[in-house]
Structure formats: C-alpha cells, structure tokens
Amino acid sequence: MANFSVLSKNQKVELASGKTATVVGKLGEGGQGIVYRVILDDTGEEKALKWYFRDKFNDARKIYNHLEENIRIGSPSAAFVWMEEITKWSDYESFGYTMKIFPSGYESFSKFLNSRVRFQSPQAMVNAGLNMVAAFMALHGKGYNYQDLNDGNFSINPINGDVLICDNDNVMGHGENSGVLGKARYMAPEVVRGDKQPDKITDRYSLAVILFMLFIGDHPLEGQKTNVPALTNKYDKRFFGTEPLFIYDKKDSSNAPVPGLHKNALAMWKYFPSFVKAAFQESFSQESLLQGRGRLLEQDWFHILMRLKSSIVKCPQCGEEIFLESDRETICGKHKIKPVGYLNFEKRSNQAVTVPIFKDAVLYNYHVDNSDDFKNVAAVILEKPGKFGLQNKTNRRWSVTAPDGKTFTKQAGETVVLGANFKIDFGNGNIAQVIVN
C-alpha cells in the first residue's frame, strides 16, 4: 500500500477485518482527505472510501480509535451516511473508512440555497425539515452530538424531501470533544465567543439555523447590521458571537433584512404561519443567543413541522399550495382564505398539535397513533356543499362523541362529519376535538 495520503487507481486497501478493497477512482476531496470510489474484493460491492491526510492530525491514533468506536456503536438512523468498515492501522501509512455511495436523485443543500435546485412541492420541503429533525432526535437520543453541523452536511432529494447526512467523522459522545468547533455562521454564539465547546445544546442552535435557511433561504442573523463590505474575523465574532441579533427579533428591528440584498427573507417570511415564525423567534431570541437558553428541542421542532405539514392546502381559486393558519385568515396572492375551524389534538405535548379544517388537508399516522410516522396518510378532510368530513384511511375503528354525549363508530373508509365540539377518539386515548372558528 502506498505511503501517506494519496491512493492510485487499482491500488489495494486492506480493511481491519482482513478484507480488501480496490480503488476505482476519486469522488472528491476536502480539507481532511480524499474520498475514493472502491470495490470490495469479496463481494464486488461499490463503496466510498474516505482516506485521510494523516498529517492533518496531531494524534492520528486517537482519531482512528474514535472511528472504530463509532463503527462499533452503529448509525443512529438511516439518514446518516455512517462509517461502515475501517482500514487496517499502520504506523507508516494513512487510514480511512468505507461508507455507502450516495444514490442518485440527491442534491447538495448548497444548491437549494443558491436556487440552482428547487423542491418539487411545499410538502417535499417540509419533509426535508422533518427528516433532519428526526435524524438529530435519534443522534442525541443515542448519546451523540454532532459538533460541526452546517450546510455541507446535507444532501436532499428535491422530489420527496429525503435527506442524507454525511461527514460524520466529528460525531462524539456527550461530554467528549473532537477539537473541531464548527463552520463559521453555523456555530452557536457561545462557541464563537469561546465560552464553551460544542455539545448537544449548540447542535440545537445549528439545527435551527439549518431549518431557517431551508425554509427562508437567508441566514437568521444576517441583516442590516451585517451589511458591511466584508465579513472579516472581527466582524464574524461580533455579529455571530458577542452581538448577535435575529433579523426578525420581536423587540429589536435594527438588524432587519435589507431590501434588494436579503430578497429570500423578505419574500419567504410572510409565507409561513405565525406558529413557525414564533418558533424561530424563540430559537434566536436574545436569551438563546447570549445565554444559550430557551432553544427548542428536536421533539418541539417535530411537532411544529408536523403542524406545518398538515396545514398545506390548495387555494380553491388559483390552485397554489399554501400554508394555512388554523384559526385565522391566510392570504394567497390576492385571495383571502380561512378554514372553518380546526382539529385540536389533546394530551400530545406542550406544543399545539392542530390541523385546519379545509378541503384536502391531511392527517398522518403521527396524528392518530402518537407515532413519529409523518409519511403515511391516516385521514383526509373532504368537502361537500355546506359541510366537511374526515375520511378514515386507516384499518382501525374510530369512536366519535357528539356534543350531546351520544357515541358512534366509523370504520375504515367511512367519513366523520366535522361538527362543532365533536370529539374523535383514534384509540389509545388519542382524541381530537373539532373547534369551529
């Protein structure tokens, strides 16, 4: 095997398991090393091999041991392009690990940010956010924190919103540190200031930045105050560390988006319902930015994004898909739209779980069985002249209680008329009440 950092075509690489892989070509290169396309000699399967520039590390053996441990523990979820097999250790040569090759149909997050790629639908965009949140809920739940979360970590399918997360080398156990602080503009302010090392709390800040950029298309802290000739290191520390201010801060508008410069923020912010705006205002409040407190948990984001997904409806006049407020008027272009009411789910969490009553609004298994399943449809709101109904798309029986106390059931395929103060029990005590505006 060749010495140090560079591999050549047809070169054999020995894995720690004793198996070998043959280099086919180069896939890409970054600051830490080169990614090659390889063939596993025993199975013929194609893999990617990340091969490190060994001289980039003060303690290469420590990094090697860390990767070994992450491989042993395993991936938190299928969204992570996790390391699979590590190469054999050598005191003289470099090392790396194999991982799966990205399937076709995925685009880098940066292409969405510069509008080179667009989502096929609002639902695909929200699915991308849900997939990100679910992945980090699994990561933190397994005792990991990411430490270097930024736009370069994500590849997204624009058709369905599926997400793959790469560059997982710096993922560490809670309380451990990789020595990597993160990427500028994505690091939590307390990391920028040097007050603390990355952990799951700073991960949550970075995740909120990613979600804001996914939906709004601009950075949450880049507004009037950051409109300087060049963001030097001095300005970086000031705007993203010591004096950060959200561009839509509720109390201070001095860092508001600049017309002509922050076009996405000005166009997209008004497109989202008030509960999404409130979530971002909480995530980037001065308490969060300066004290690291009040940041939303992944579970909180999950409930908010499910509420957002179920608010997607088509304007009956122009056919455009919009996000509908549950209890107030929404403007689609020149058209004013208001739902007749909403389904309010009881006992779910400290976050409101509601679905507007509007033609074609959708409930998922998440709503009816308290699961994290945000993809499979469980019910659809239908409209007939003068009334709305909820069609049962599950294979389970629902129990319905009228305001006068009478109860009846609805089987699979049947429809419940959504009258004021009716309650629908989907099972296991999961109940939604019909609220009329």
Foldseek 3Di string as FASTA:
>chain_A
DDWAADDDAQDWFAFQVRWIKGFHAWDAADDFHTKTWIAGPVPRDIWIKGWGRQVVDPCLVVLVVQLVVDLVLDALDPQEQHFPTKTDDDPTHTIITITHDDDPQWAQLVCVLVVVDAAPAPQLLLLLLLQVLVRVVSQVVSQKDQQADDSRQWIARSDRNRIHGYPRSQIDGAPDGPPDRYDQLQFAQCSLVVNDGDGNLRSLLSSLQVSCCSQQSDGQQAADVNPDPDCDSVNSNCCRHVPTDGLPAPPDNNRHHDPPPRVSNVPRVLQADPVVVVLSNQQRPCCCRVVSPRGDHSVQVLQVSLQQSLQWDADPPPRGTGRADQADWDDDPPDIDYAQHWKWKPPLDPDTRIHHQDFFRFDACCQQPVDSDSDHTQWGWHDDVPWIKIAGQDQDKKWKADPVGDIDIDGHGDIGTQDAQMWIRSDPRTIIGTHGD
